[in-house]
Amino acid sequence: MNRKQVKSDPPSGEGTISTRTEQKQVEDRVAIGANVVYETIRREGEEELQRPASALAWSALAAGLSMGFSFVAEALLMARLPDQP
């Protein structure tokens, strides 16, 4: 089976693909290397650590509340829904 049979349109305003090179990589399903992924994540982490301490604290609080409320929501659903599959 040939992947080149379907011709796709150039990137539109939807999604995160913004250049023709990125579009080509998606079409060819080019995998980036682990070292590129690692470096990208490392740089983003370094940028996050440059944020003020108060911003990090608010982010941590929001994440904690989000996780806590998700457990509460799951518990409420399990308590209120019938035990049938």
PDB file of N, CA and C in Angstrom:
ATOM      1  N   MET A   1       0.847  -1.177   0.000  1.00  0.00           N
ATOM      2  CA  MET A   1       0.000   0.000   0.000  1.00  0.00           C
ATOM      3  C   MET A   1       0.891   1.238   0.000  1.00  0.00           C
ATOM      4  N   ASN A   2       0.571   2.165  -0.820  1.00  0.00           N
ATOM      5  CA  ASN A   2       1.379   3.369  -0.971  1.00  0.00           C
ATOM      6  C   ASN A   2       0.735   4.518  -0.207  1.00  0.00           C
ATOM      7  N   ARG A   3       1.494   5.154   0.665  1.00  0.00           N
ATOM      8  CA  ARG A   3       0.979   6.272   1.454  1.00  0.00           C
ATOM      9  C   ARG A   3       0.846   7.533   0.630  1.00  0.00           C
ATOM     10  N   LYS A   4       1.482   7.616  -0.514  1.00  0.00           N
ATOM     11  CA  LYS A   4       1.491   8.825  -1.327  1.00  0.00           C
ATOM     12  C   LYS A   4       0.257   8.948  -2.217  1.00  0.00           C
ATOM     13  N   GLN A   5      -0.677   7.991  -2.142  1.00  0.00           N
ATOM     14  CA  GLN A   5      -1.835   8.018  -3.017  1.00  0.00           C
ATOM     15  C   GLN A   5      -2.778   9.171  -2.686  1.00  0.00           C
ATOM     16  N   VAL A   6      -2.909   9.512  -1.415  1.00  0.00           N
ATOM     17  CA  VAL A   6      -3.820  10.565  -1.002  1.00  0.00           C
ATOM     18  C   VAL A   6      -3.079  11.888  -0.965  1.00  0.00           C
ATOM     19  N   LYS A   7      -3.584  12.848  -1.702  1.00  0.00           N
ATOM     20  CA  LYS A   7      -2.973  14.177  -1.743  1.00  0.00           C
ATOM     21  C   LYS A   7      -3.724  15.054  -0.756  1.00  0.00           C
ATOM     22  N   SER A   8      -3.020  15.629   0.201  1.00  0.00           N
ATOM     23  CA  SER A   8      -3.686  16.466   1.192  1.00  0.00           C
ATOM     24  C   SER A   8      -3.510  17.938   0.849  1.00  0.00           C
ATOM     25  N   ASP A   9      -4.417  18.732   1.412  1.00  0.00           N
ATOM     26  CA  ASP A   9      -4.366  20.175   1.206  1.00  0.00           C
ATOM     27  C   ASP A   9      -3.239  20.770   2.033  1.00  0.00           C
ATOM     28  N   PRO A  10      -2.769  21.950   1.664  1.00  0.00           N
ATOM     29  CA  PRO A  10      -1.776  22.621   2.495  1.00  0.00           C
ATOM     30  C   PRO A  10      -2.358  22.920   3.865  1.00  0.00           C
ATOM     31  N   PRO A  11      -1.503  23.182   4.831  1.00  0.00           N
ATOM     32  CA  PRO A  11      -1.988  23.411   6.183  1.00  0.00           C
ATOM     33  C   PRO A  11      -2.986  24.551   6.250  1.00  0.00           C
ATOM     34  N   SER A  12      -4.054  24.314   6.995  1.00  0.00           N
ATOM     35  CA  SER A  12      -5.056  25.357   7.175  1.00  0.00           C
ATOM     36  C   SER A  12      -4.866  25.991   8.544  1.00  0.00           C
ATOM     37  N   GLY A  13      -5.816  26.794   8.977  1.00  0.00           N
ATOM     38  CA  GLY A  13      -5.718  27.446  10.270  1.00  0.00           C
ATOM     39  C   GLY A  13      -5.920  26.490  11.434  1.00  0.00           C
ATOM     40  N   GLU A  14      -6.314  25.249  11.156  1.00  0.00           N
ATOM     41  CA  GLU A  14      -6.571  24.295  12.223  1.00  0.00           C
ATOM     42  C   GLU A  14      -5.298  23.536  12.582  1.00  0.00           C
ATOM     43  N   GLY A  15      -5.214  23.096  13.826  1.00  0.00           N
ATOM     44  CA  GLY A  15      -4.097  22.272  14.245  1.00  0.00           C
ATOM     45  C   GLY A  15      -2.863  23.092  14.579  1.00  0.00           C
ATOM     46  N   THR A  16      -1.760  22.373  14.780  1.00  0.00           N
ATOM     47  CA  THR A  16      -0.526  23.026  15.192  1.00  0.00           C
ATOM     48  C   THR A  16       0.510  23.065  14.086  1.00  0.00           C
ATOM     49  N   ILE A  17       0.202  22.531  12.924  1.00  0.00           N
ATOM     50  CA  ILE A  17       1.142  22.514  11.805  1.00  0.00           C
ATOM     51  C   ILE A  17       1.095  23.875  11.126  1.00  0.00           C
ATOM     52  N   SER A  18       2.273  24.538  11.019  1.00  0.00           N
ATOM     53  CA  SER A  18       2.267  25.884  10.475  1.00  0.00           C
ATOM     54  C   SER A  18       3.151  26.059   9.239  1.00  0.00           C
ATOM     55  N   THR A  19       4.000  25.099   8.928  1.00  0.00           N
ATOM     56  CA  THR A  19       4.868  25.246   7.761  1.00  0.00           C
ATOM     57  C   THR A  19       4.724  24.042   6.842  1.00  0.00           C
ATOM     58  N   ARG A  20       5.132  24.233   5.618  1.00  0.00           N
ATOM     59  CA  ARG A  20       5.078  23.126   4.663  1.00  0.00           C
ATOM     60  C   ARG A  20       6.033  21.998   5.059  1.00  0.00           C
ATOM     61  N   THR A  21       7.153  22.356   5.693  1.00  0.00           N
ATOM     62  CA  THR A  21       8.100  21.337   6.150  1.00  0.00           C
ATOM     63  C   THR A  21       7.448  20.445   7.202  1.00  0.00           C
ATOM     64  N   GLU A  22       6.735  21.069   8.141  1.00  0.00           N
ATOM     65  CA  GLU A  22       6.031  20.294   9.157  1.00  0.00           C
ATOM     66  C   GLU A  22       4.958  19.427   8.523  1.00  0.00           C
ATOM     67  N   GLN A  23       4.246  19.978   7.558  1.00  0.00           N
ATOM     68  CA  GLN A  23       3.217  19.216   6.852  1.00  0.00           C
ATOM     69  C   GLN A  23       3.837  18.006   6.158  1.00  0.00           C
ATOM     70  N   LYS A  24       4.988  18.189   5.541  1.00  0.00           N
ATOM     71  CA  LYS A  24       5.686  17.094   4.865  1.00  0.00           C
ATOM     72  C   LYS A  24       6.101  16.017   5.865  1.00  0.00           C
ATOM     73  N   GLN A  25       6.591  16.441   7.037  1.00  0.00           N
ATOM     74  CA  GLN A  25       6.979  15.476   8.054  1.00  0.00           C
ATOM     75  C   GLN A  25       5.782  14.661   8.528  1.00  0.00           C
ATOM     76  N   VAL A  26       4.640  15.312   8.661  1.00  0.00           N
ATOM     77  CA  VAL A  26       3.430  14.603   9.066  1.00  0.00           C
ATOM     78  C   VAL A  26       3.021  13.605   7.987  1.00  0.00           C
ATOM     79  N   GLU A  27       3.039  14.048   6.748  1.00  0.00           N
ATOM     80  CA  GLU A  27       2.659  13.156   5.655  1.00  0.00           C
ATOM     81  C   GLU A  27       3.591  11.961   5.546  1.00  0.00           C
ATOM     82  N   ASP A  28       4.885  12.204   5.726  1.00  0.00           N
ATOM     83  CA  ASP A  28       5.859  11.119   5.623  1.00  0.00           C
ATOM     84  C   ASP A  28       5.980  10.343   6.933  1.00  0.00           C
ATOM     85  N   ARG A  29       5.318  10.836   7.965  1.00  0.00           N
ATOM     86  CA  ARG A  29       5.364  10.229   9.294  1.00  0.00           C
ATOM     87  C   ARG A  29       6.803  10.071   9.773  1.00  0.00           C
ATOM     88  N   VAL A  30       7.529  11.152   9.644  1.00  0.00           N
ATOM     89  CA  VAL A  30       8.919  11.180  10.062  1.00  0.00           C
ATOM     90  C   VAL A  30       8.962  11.254  11.594  1.00  0.00           C
ATOM     91  N   ALA A  31       9.688  10.335  12.181  1.00  0.00           N
ATOM     92  CA  ALA A  31       9.826  10.334  13.636  1.00  0.00           C
ATOM     93  C   ALA A  31      11.052  11.161  14.015  1.00  0.00           C
ATOM     94  N   ILE A  32      10.885  12.001  15.002  1.00  0.00           N
ATOM     95  CA  ILE A  32      12.036  12.751  15.486  1.00  0.00           C
ATOM     96  C   ILE A  32      12.756  11.885  16.512  1.00  0.00           C
ATOM     97  N   GLY A  33      14.011  12.143  16.677  1.00  0.00           N
ATOM     98  CA  GLY A  33      14.815  11.327  17.570  1.00  0.00           C
ATOM     99  C   GLY A  33      14.539  11.616  19.040  1.00  0.00           C
ATOM    100  N   ALA A  34      14.908  10.655  19.881  1.00  0.00           N
ATOM    101  CA  ALA A  34      14.713  10.801  21.318  1.00  0.00           C
ATOM    102  C   ALA A  34      15.503  11.973  21.868  1.00  0.00           C
ATOM    103  N   ASN A  35      16.678  12.227  21.295  1.00  0.00           N
ATOM    104  CA  ASN A  35      17.480  13.347  21.789  1.00  0.00           C
ATOM    105  C   ASN A  35      16.813  14.683  21.509  1.00  0.00           C
ATOM    106  N   VAL A  36      16.070  14.799  20.416  1.00  0.00           N
ATOM    107  CA  VAL A  36      15.344  16.033  20.102  1.00  0.00           C
ATOM    108  C   VAL A  36      14.189  16.216  21.088  1.00  0.00           C
ATOM    109  N   VAL A  37      13.472  15.143  21.368  1.00  0.00           N
ATOM    110  CA  VAL A  37      12.368  15.208  22.329  1.00  0.00           C
ATOM    111  C   VAL A  37      12.906  15.592  23.704  1.00  0.00           C
ATOM    112  N   TYR A  38      13.997  14.956  24.114  1.00  0.00           N
ATOM    113  CA  TYR A  38      14.591  15.246  25.419  1.00  0.00           C
ATOM    114  C   TYR A  38      15.001  16.713  25.521  1.00  0.00           C
ATOM    115  N   GLU A  39      15.677  17.212  24.509  1.00  0.00           N
ATOM    116  CA  GLU A  39      16.151  18.601  24.539  1.00  0.00           C
ATOM    117  C   GLU A  39      14.987  19.590  24.557  1.00  0.00           C
ATOM    118  N   THR A  40      13.942  19.282  23.823  1.00  0.00           N
ATOM    119  CA  THR A  40      12.759  20.146  23.805  1.00  0.00           C
ATOM    120  C   THR A  40      12.137  20.223  25.187  1.00  0.00           C
ATOM    121  N   ILE A  41      11.964  19.076  25.818  1.00  0.00           N
ATOM    122  CA  ILE A  41      11.362  19.042  27.148  1.00  0.00           C
ATOM    123  C   ILE A  41      12.275  19.714  28.166  1.00  0.00           C
ATOM    124  N   ARG A  42      13.590  19.504  28.046  1.00  0.00           N
ATOM    125  CA  ARG A  42      14.541  20.129  28.970  1.00  0.00           C
ATOM    126  C   ARG A  42      14.473  21.639  28.879  1.00  0.00           C
ATOM    127  N   ARG A  43      14.424  22.159  27.656  1.00  0.00           N
ATOM    128  CA  ARG A  43      14.359  23.622  27.473  1.00  0.00           C
ATOM    129  C   ARG A  43      13.072  24.202  28.035  1.00  0.00           C
ATOM    130  N   GLU A  44      11.949  23.502  27.804  1.00  0.00           N
ATOM    131  CA  GLU A  44      10.682  23.982  28.352  1.00  0.00           C
ATOM    132  C   GLU A  44      10.717  23.983  29.870  1.00  0.00           C
ATOM    133  N   GLY A  45      11.348  22.968  30.461  1.00  0.00           N
ATOM    134  CA  GLY A  45      11.498  22.922  31.912  1.00  0.00           C
ATOM    135  C   GLY A  45      12.332  24.079  32.436  1.00  0.00           C
ATOM    136  N   GLU A  46      13.418  24.384  31.726  1.00  0.00           N
ATOM    137  CA  GLU A  46      14.267  25.516  32.123  1.00  0.00           C
ATOM    138  C   GLU A  46      13.483  26.827  32.061  1.00  0.00           C
ATOM    139  N   GLU A  47      12.673  26.978  31.028  1.00  0.00           N
ATOM    140  CA  GLU A  47      11.862  28.195  30.910  1.00  0.00           C
ATOM    141  C   GLU A  47      10.853  28.291  32.050  1.00  0.00           C
ATOM    142  N   GLU A  48      10.257  27.167  32.429  1.00  0.00           N
ATOM    143  CA  GLU A  48       9.285  27.176  33.522  1.00  0.00           C
ATOM    144  C   GLU A  48       9.949  27.555  34.836  1.00  0.00           C
ATOM    145  N   LEU A  49      11.188  27.116  35.042  1.00  0.00           N
ATOM    146  CA  LEU A  49      11.889  27.434  36.279  1.00  0.00           C
ATOM    147  C   LEU A  49      12.268  28.907  36.369  1.00  0.00           C
ATOM    148  N   GLN A  50      12.227  29.628  35.261  1.00  0.00           N
ATOM    149  CA  GLN A  50      12.520  31.058  35.262  1.00  0.00           C
ATOM    150  C   GLN A  50      11.319  31.888  35.692  1.00  0.00           C
ATOM    151  N   ARG A  51      10.154  31.249  35.818  1.00  0.00           N
ATOM    152  CA  ARG A  51       8.962  31.970  36.257  1.00  0.00           C
ATOM    153  C   ARG A  51       9.101  32.380  37.710  1.00  0.00           C
ATOM    154  N   PRO A  52       8.406  33.433  38.106  1.00  0.00           N
ATOM    155  CA  PRO A  52       8.445  33.850  39.516  1.00  0.00           C
ATOM    156  C   PRO A  52       7.877  32.750  40.427  1.00  0.00           C
ATOM    157  N   ALA A  53       8.339  32.735  41.670  1.00  0.00           N
ATOM    158  CA  ALA A  53       7.895  31.716  42.628  1.00  0.00           C
ATOM    159  C   ALA A  53       6.385  31.769  42.843  1.00  0.00           C
ATOM    160  N   SER A  54       5.814  32.947  42.824  1.00  0.00           N
ATOM    161  CA  SER A  54       4.366  33.055  43.029  1.00  0.00           C
ATOM    162  C   SER A  54       3.598  32.405  41.879  1.00  0.00           C
ATOM    163  N   ALA A  55       4.097  32.557  40.665  1.00  0.00           N
ATOM    164  CA  ALA A  55       3.438  31.924  39.519  1.00  0.00           C
ATOM    165  C   ALA A  55       3.515  30.407  39.621  1.00  0.00           C
ATOM    166  N   LEU A  56       4.670  29.901  40.066  1.00  0.00           N
ATOM    167  CA  LEU A  56       4.806  28.455  40.253  1.00  0.00           C
ATOM    168  C   LEU A  56       3.890  27.958  41.362  1.00  0.00           C
ATOM    169  N   ALA A  57       3.750  28.737  42.429  1.00  0.00           N
ATOM    170  CA  ALA A  57       2.879  28.348  43.536  1.00  0.00           C
ATOM    171  C   ALA A  57       1.421  28.296  43.092  1.00  0.00           C
ATOM    172  N   TRP A  58       0.976  29.293  42.333  1.00  0.00           N
ATOM    173  CA  TRP A  58      -0.399  29.286  41.834  1.00  0.00           C
ATOM    174  C   TRP A  58      -0.631  28.117  40.884  1.00  0.00           C
ATOM    175  N   SER A  59       0.364  27.823  40.068  1.00  0.00           N
ATOM    176  CA  SER A  59       0.254  26.678  39.156  1.00  0.00           C
ATOM    177  C   SER A  59       0.151  25.366  39.931  1.00  0.00           C
ATOM    178  N   ALA A  60       0.955  25.234  40.981  1.00  0.00           N
ATOM    179  CA  ALA A  60       0.905  24.034  41.808  1.00  0.00           C
ATOM    180  C   ALA A  60      -0.439  23.901  42.511  1.00  0.00           C
ATOM    181  N   LEU A  61      -0.954  25.008  43.025  1.00  0.00           N
ATOM    182  CA  LEU A  61      -2.261  24.990  43.683  1.00  0.00           C
ATOM    183  C   LEU A  61      -3.361  24.575  42.702  1.00  0.00           C
ATOM    184  N   ALA A  62      -3.334  25.144  41.509  1.00  0.00           N
ATOM    185  CA  ALA A  62      -4.341  24.809  40.502  1.00  0.00           C
ATOM    186  C   ALA A  62      -4.256  23.333  40.116  1.00  0.00           C
ATOM    187  N   ALA A  63      -3.051  22.817  39.964  1.00  0.00           N
ATOM    188  CA  ALA A  63      -2.886  21.402  39.613  1.00  0.00           C
ATOM    189  C   ALA A  63      -3.392  20.506  40.736  1.00  0.00           C
ATOM    190  N   GLY A  64      -3.075  20.862  41.965  1.00  0.00           N
ATOM    191  CA  GLY A  64      -3.530  20.069  43.103  1.00  0.00           C
ATOM    192  C   GLY A  64      -5.041  20.067  43.229  1.00  0.00           C
ATOM    193  N   LEU A  65      -5.656  21.224  43.075  1.00  0.00           N
ATOM    194  CA  LEU A  65      -7.115  21.298  43.138  1.00  0.00           C
ATOM    195  C   LEU A  65      -7.760  20.504  42.015  1.00  0.00           C
ATOM    196  N   SER A  66      -7.184  20.588  40.844  1.00  0.00           N
ATOM    197  CA  SER A  66      -7.717  19.845  39.706  1.00  0.00           C
ATOM    198  C   SER A  66      -7.673  18.346  39.959  1.00  0.00           C
ATOM    199  N   MET A  67      -6.550  17.868  40.457  1.00  0.00           N
ATOM    200  CA  MET A  67      -6.432  16.435  40.754  1.00  0.00           C
ATOM    201  C   MET A  67      -7.391  16.031  41.869  1.00  0.00           C
ATOM    202  N   GLY A  68      -7.477  16.848  42.905  1.00  0.00           N
ATOM    203  CA  GLY A  68      -8.364  16.527  44.017  1.00  0.00           C
ATOM    204  C   GLY A  68      -9.821  16.463  43.600  1.00  0.00           C
ATOM    205  N   PHE A  69     -10.264  17.446  42.831  1.00  0.00           N
ATOM    206  CA  PHE A  69     -11.649  17.459  42.398  1.00  0.00           C
ATOM    207  C   PHE A  69     -11.951  16.330  41.418  1.00  0.00           C
ATOM    208  N   SER A  70     -10.962  15.886  40.654  1.00  0.00           N
ATOM    209  CA  SER A  70     -11.212  14.751  39.756  1.00  0.00           C
ATOM    210  C   SER A  70     -11.491  13.483  40.560  1.00  0.00           C
ATOM    211  N   PHE A  71     -10.791  13.307  41.699  1.00  0.00           N
ATOM    212  CA  PHE A  71     -11.065  12.154  42.557  1.00  0.00           C
ATOM    213  C   PHE A  71     -12.445  12.262  43.194  1.00  0.00           C
ATOM    214  N   VAL A  72     -12.826  13.448  43.613  1.00  0.00           N
ATOM    215  CA  VAL A  72     -14.142  13.665  44.200  1.00  0.00           C
ATOM    216  C   VAL A  72     -15.224  13.382  43.159  1.00  0.00           C
ATOM    217  N   ALA A  73     -15.028  13.857  41.946  1.00  0.00           N
ATOM    218  CA  ALA A  73     -16.003  13.627  40.878  1.00  0.00           C
ATOM    219  C   ALA A  73     -16.137  12.137  40.582  1.00  0.00           C
ATOM    220  N   GLU A  74     -15.019  11.427  40.534  1.00  0.00           N
ATOM    221  CA  GLU A  74     -15.068   9.986  40.293  1.00  0.00           C
ATOM    222  C   GLU A  74     -15.821   9.284  41.421  1.00  0.00           C
ATOM    223  N   ALA A  75     -15.555   9.661  42.653  1.00  0.00           N
ATOM    224  CA  ALA A  75     -16.236   9.052  43.791  1.00  0.00           C
ATOM    225  C   ALA A  75     -17.738   9.320  43.740  1.00  0.00           C
ATOM    226  N   LEU A  76     -18.121  10.542  43.400  1.00  0.00           N
ATOM    227  CA  LEU A  76     -19.547  10.868  43.303  1.00  0.00           C
ATOM    228  C   LEU A  76     -20.224  10.060  42.199  1.00  0.00           C
ATOM    229  N   LEU A  77     -19.556   9.922  41.066  1.00  0.00           N
ATOM    230  CA  LEU A  77     -20.129   9.134  39.974  1.00  0.00           C
ATOM    231  C   LEU A  77     -20.280   7.666  40.376  1.00  0.00           C
ATOM    232  N   MET A  78     -19.270   7.123  41.034  1.00  0.00           N
ATOM    233  CA  MET A  78     -19.358   5.727  41.455  1.00  0.00           C
ATOM    234  C   MET A  78     -20.450   5.519  42.490  1.00  0.00           C
ATOM    235  N   ALA A  79     -20.668   6.499  43.339  1.00  0.00           N
ATOM    236  CA  ALA A  79     -21.705   6.391  44.371  1.00  0.00           C
ATOM    237  C   ALA A  79     -23.111   6.523  43.790  1.00  0.00           C
ATOM    238  N   ARG A  80     -23.262   7.340  42.762  1.00  0.00           N
ATOM    239  CA  ARG A  80     -24.590   7.627  42.224  1.00  0.00           C
ATOM    240  C   ARG A  80     -25.018   6.736  41.053  1.00  0.00           C
ATOM    241  N   LEU A  81     -24.059   6.185  40.323  1.00  0.00           N
ATOM    242  CA  LEU A  81     -24.422   5.362  39.172  1.00  0.00           C
ATOM    243  C   LEU A  81     -24.695   3.924  39.604  1.00  0.00           C
ATOM    244  N   PRO A  82     -25.564   3.222  38.874  1.00  0.00           N
ATOM    245  CA  PRO A  82     -25.824   1.832  39.234  1.00  0.00           C
ATOM    246  C   PRO A  82     -24.596   0.952  38.999  1.00  0.00           C
ATOM    247  N   ASP A  83     -24.582  -0.221  39.633  1.00  0.00           N
ATOM    248  CA  ASP A  83     -23.431  -1.117  39.548  1.00  0.00           C
ATOM    249  C   ASP A  83     -23.446  -1.987  38.296  1.00  0.00           C
ATOM    250  N   GLN A  84     -24.211  -1.644  37.305  1.00  0.00           N
ATOM    251  CA  GLN A  84     -24.296  -2.437  36.082  1.00  0.00           C
ATOM    252  C   GLN A  84     -23.271  -1.942  35.069  1.00  0.00           C
ATOM    253  N   PRO A  85     -22.763  -2.864  34.231  1.00  0.00           N
ATOM    254  CA  PRO A  85     -21.761  -2.450  33.219  1.00  0.00           C
ATOM    255  C   PRO A  85     -22.336  -1.606  32.118  1.00  0.00           C
TER     256      PRO A  85
END
